[in-house]
Amino acid sequence: MKLTGIHHIAIICSNYKVSKEFYTDILGLSIIREVYREERDSYKLDLALNDHYVIELFSFPSPPSRTSRPEACGLRHLAFSVQDINKASTYLVEKGIVVEKIRVDEFTGKKFTFFEDPDGLPLELYEV
């Protein structure tokens, strides 16, 4: 088997409207398609970043909670690259989002920081 890339990341949210607004209006991902699946009482929102399909955002009735700190066992976090981390961090703070202090990766010397989506999913900004 030879992997050729990552196709998408699936995220289940607790409040579809709030998460849709967060990922589209605040983070700026574009909508490819939005589908309501009546048999599951579930929305599926396909989102792109720079015209590249990256996230499937799902809603389901009463999804169970999950531990989601960056150091929890399992998927650690989702990281987005940015050109200017100070500008991106300031933008998020202006939108009312709590952003951790900017740190420097001890191995690469690159700046990074963490924030959370509406359900507490750890997200990272990494300056490239």
Foldseek 3Di string as FASTA:
>chain_A
DDDDDDQEAEEEDADVVQLVCCVCVQVNWDWPDWDQDVVQRKIWTFTHDPPGTYYTYMYGPPDDADDADLPDPDDRAAEDEDADVVVSCVSCVVVVWDKDDWDADPPPRWIKTWTAGPRRHIYMYTHD
